[in-house]
C-alpha cells in the first residue's frame, strides 16, 4: 500500500482554528504562491501545499463616530488686561542694517492680590501696571464697573 501525503487547510475565524483535509494531492505540486494583504485586509499564502488564511478585518479598528460637540481647546491665559483692554502691539524690530522684522510688544501684566473693600476679601487678578495705577487712583469698584466686570465672580 502506498503512503499518501495528506495536506490540510487551516481556517482562522475569530481566534478559532480549524483543520480540513485537502481534496487532492495535486495541490502539493503547485508552485509557491504568496498574496499580499488585499484591500479588505485578508491575508492568504500557500506554503508547500498548506494554505494558511487569516481574516485581518477583525483586527482593524471599527469606525469612530464623531460627536456633534467641538473638540475642547486648552485654556490659555490671554495677554490682555481685563480692566483696560490693553493687548499686544505689532511692531518692527529694526536691525543696524535697517532690516525690519515683525515682533510683538506684550502688555506688562502682573499677578496681584488687591483688597476689595465691598467684598471684605482679597482678589487675585492678572492686570496691567496701568490698571494698577488706575485702581489706586479711582478704586477697584469704579474701575471694574467701567470695564463691565462683576467682582463677585472672581
Protein backbone atom coordinates (compact mmCIF):
# COMPACT_ATOMS: atom_id res chain seq x y z
CA UNK A 1 0.00 0.00 0.00
CA UNK A 2 1.40 3.39 -0.98
CA UNK A 3 1.63 6.11 1.59
CA UNK A 4 -0.37 9.13 0.58
CA UNK A 5 0.61 12.60 1.62
CA UNK A 6 -2.06 14.46 3.45
CA UNK A 7 -2.38 18.18 3.22
CA UNK A 8 -4.62 20.34 5.26
CA UNK A 9 -6.14 23.75 5.15
CA UNK A 10 -6.14 25.96 8.23
CA UNK A 11 -9.01 28.39 8.69
CA UNK A 12 -8.80 31.06 11.39
CA UNK A 13 -12.00 32.89 12.17
CA UNK A 14 -12.35 34.94 15.35
CA UNK A 15 -9.48 33.22 17.18
CA UNK A 16 -10.69 29.65 16.44
CA UNK A 17 -8.53 27.50 14.16
CA UNK A 18 -9.95 24.54 12.26
CA UNK A 19 -8.21 21.96 10.08
CA UNK A 20 -9.73 20.43 6.94
CA UNK A 21 -8.21 17.76 4.75
CA UNK A 22 -7.34 18.88 1.23
CA UNK A 23 -9.37 17.44 -1.67
CA UNK A 24 -6.49 16.19 -3.72
CA UNK A 25 -2.76 15.75 -3.55
CA UNK A 26 -2.38 17.80 -6.76
CA UNK A 27 -2.18 20.95 -4.61
CA UNK A 28 1.16 19.73 -3.29
CA UNK A 29 2.67 20.03 -6.75
CA UNK A 30 1.61 23.65 -7.31
CA UNK A 31 4.40 26.22 -7.12
CA UNK A 32 4.81 28.54 -4.14
CA UNK A 33 2.31 31.38 -4.25
CA UNK A 34 2.00 34.24 -1.72
CA UNK A 35 -0.51 37.02 -1.83
CA UNK A 36 -0.22 40.35 -0.10
CA UNK A 37 -2.87 41.99 2.02
CA UNK A 38 -5.85 42.85 -0.14
CA UNK A 39 -7.99 45.96 0.16
CA UNK A 40 -10.28 44.32 2.70
CA UNK A 41 -7.40 43.14 4.86
CA UNK A 42 -7.48 39.38 4.13
CA UNK A 43 -4.08 37.68 4.10
CA UNK A 44 -3.57 34.38 2.32
CA UNK A 45 -0.49 32.37 1.48
CA UNK A 46 0.18 28.92 0.15
CA UNK A 47 3.28 27.23 1.52
CA UNK A 48 4.15 23.69 0.49
CA UNK A 49 0.58 22.63 -0.13
CA UNK A 50 -0.76 24.11 3.08
CA UNK A 51 -2.98 27.12 2.65
CA UNK A 52 -2.95 29.43 5.65
CA UNK A 53 -5.54 32.15 5.66
CA UNK A 54 -6.39 34.66 8.34
CA UNK A 55 -9.02 37.37 8.26
CA UNK A 56 -7.34 40.61 9.40
CA UNK A 57 -10.51 42.67 9.07
CA UNK A 58 -11.48 41.60 12.60
CA UNK A 59 -8.26 43.25 13.87
CA UNK A 60 -8.93 46.58 12.15
CA UNK A 61 -10.47 49.32 14.30
CA UNK A 62 -14.17 49.93 13.96
CA UNK A 63 -15.36 53.22 12.56
CA UNK A 64 -15.10 56.00 15.07
CA UNK A 65 -18.23 58.06 15.45
CA UNK A 66 -17.76 61.75 15.94
CA UNK A 67 -19.95 63.67 18.29
CA UNK A 68 -21.51 66.93 17.26
CA UNK A 69 -19.73 68.78 20.08
CA UNK A 70 -16.49 70.52 19.03
CA UNK A 71 -13.17 69.41 20.49
CA UNK A 72 -12.16 71.20 23.67
CA UNK A 73 -9.33 73.66 23.33
CA UNK A 74 -6.74 74.05 26.09
CA UNK A 75 -7.28 77.02 28.35
CA UNK A 76 -4.51 79.55 27.83
CA UNK A 77 -4.28 82.84 29.68
CA UNK A 78 -4.56 85.59 27.09
CA UNK A 79 -2.20 88.53 27.24
CA UNK A 80 -4.99 91.09 27.58
CA UNK A 81 -5.72 93.24 30.62
CA UNK A 82 -9.38 92.72 31.62
CA UNK A 83 -9.70 96.23 33.13
CA UNK A 84 -8.10 98.44 30.47
CA UNK A 85 -8.36 96.19 27.40
CA UNK A 86 -4.67 96.65 26.62
CA UNK A 87 -3.25 93.93 24.35
CA UNK A 88 -0.11 93.14 22.37
CA UNK A 89 1.19 95.63 19.81
CA UNK A 90 2.74 94.58 16.49
CA UNK A 91 5.92 96.46 15.87
CA UNK A 92 9.03 96.32 13.73
CA UNK A 93 12.37 95.20 15.10
CA UNK A 94 14.92 97.29 13.19
CA UNK A 95 18.46 95.99 12.87
CA UNK A 96 21.64 98.00 12.29
CA UNK A 97 21.22 97.48 8.55
CA UNK A 98 17.64 98.85 8.81
CA UNK A 99 16.17 95.40 8.11
CA UNK A 100 12.65 95.29 9.58
CA UNK A 101 11.36 92.17 11.29
CA UNK A 102 7.89 91.88 12.83
CA UNK A 103 7.70 91.42 16.60
CA UNK A 104 5.12 91.64 19.38
CA UNK A 105 5.32 94.09 22.24
CA UNK A 106 3.46 92.47 25.11
CA UNK A 107 1.49 94.23 27.83
CA UNK A 108 3.17 94.38 31.24
CA UNK A 109 0.76 92.02 33.01
CA UNK A 110 1.26 91.20 36.69
CA UNK A 111 -0.47 88.83 39.11
CA UNK A 112 -1.58 90.94 42.05
CA UNK A 113 -3.70 90.46 45.16
CA UNK A 114 -5.95 93.50 45.53
CA UNK A 115 -8.11 94.20 48.61
CA UNK A 116 -11.79 94.62 47.72
CA UNK A 117 -13.42 96.69 50.46
CA UNK A 118 -17.04 95.98 49.50
CA UNK A 119 -16.46 92.21 49.45
CA UNK A 120 -14.14 92.23 52.51
CA UNK A 121 -11.66 89.94 50.79
CA UNK A 122 -8.64 89.84 48.51
CA UNK A 123 -8.99 89.36 44.75
CA UNK A 124 -6.19 87.69 42.84
CA UNK A 125 -6.05 89.48 39.50
CA UNK A 126 -3.85 89.50 36.42
CA UNK A 127 -3.78 93.08 35.30
CA UNK A 128 -1.53 95.61 33.63
CA UNK A 129 0.57 98.09 35.56
CA UNK A 130 -1.52 100.88 34.03
CA UNK A 131 -4.64 99.28 35.54
CA UNK A 132 -2.88 99.10 38.94
CA UNK A 133 -2.26 102.85 38.85
CA UNK A 134 -5.88 103.45 37.84
CA UNK A 135 -7.17 101.22 40.68
CA UNK A 136 -5.03 103.10 43.21
CA UNK A 137 -6.40 106.41 41.95
CA UNK A 138 -10.13 105.61 41.42
CA UNK A 139 -10.74 102.41 43.43
CA UNK A 140 -11.40 98.87 42.27
CA UNK A 141 -15.20 99.21 42.23
CA UNK A 142 -15.16 102.18 39.83
CA UNK A 143 -12.61 100.57 37.50
CA UNK A 144 -14.49 97.23 37.43
CA UNK A 145 -17.81 98.99 36.79
CA UNK A 146 -16.30 100.94 33.88
CA UNK A 147 -14.84 97.69 32.43
CA UNK A 148 -18.18 95.87 32.87
CA UNK A 149 -16.77 93.25 35.26
CA UNK A 150 -18.57 91.58 38.14
CA UNK A 151 -16.11 91.26 41.04
CA UNK A 152 -18.30 88.73 42.88
CA UNK A 153 -17.48 86.13 40.18
CA UNK A 154 -13.73 86.49 40.61
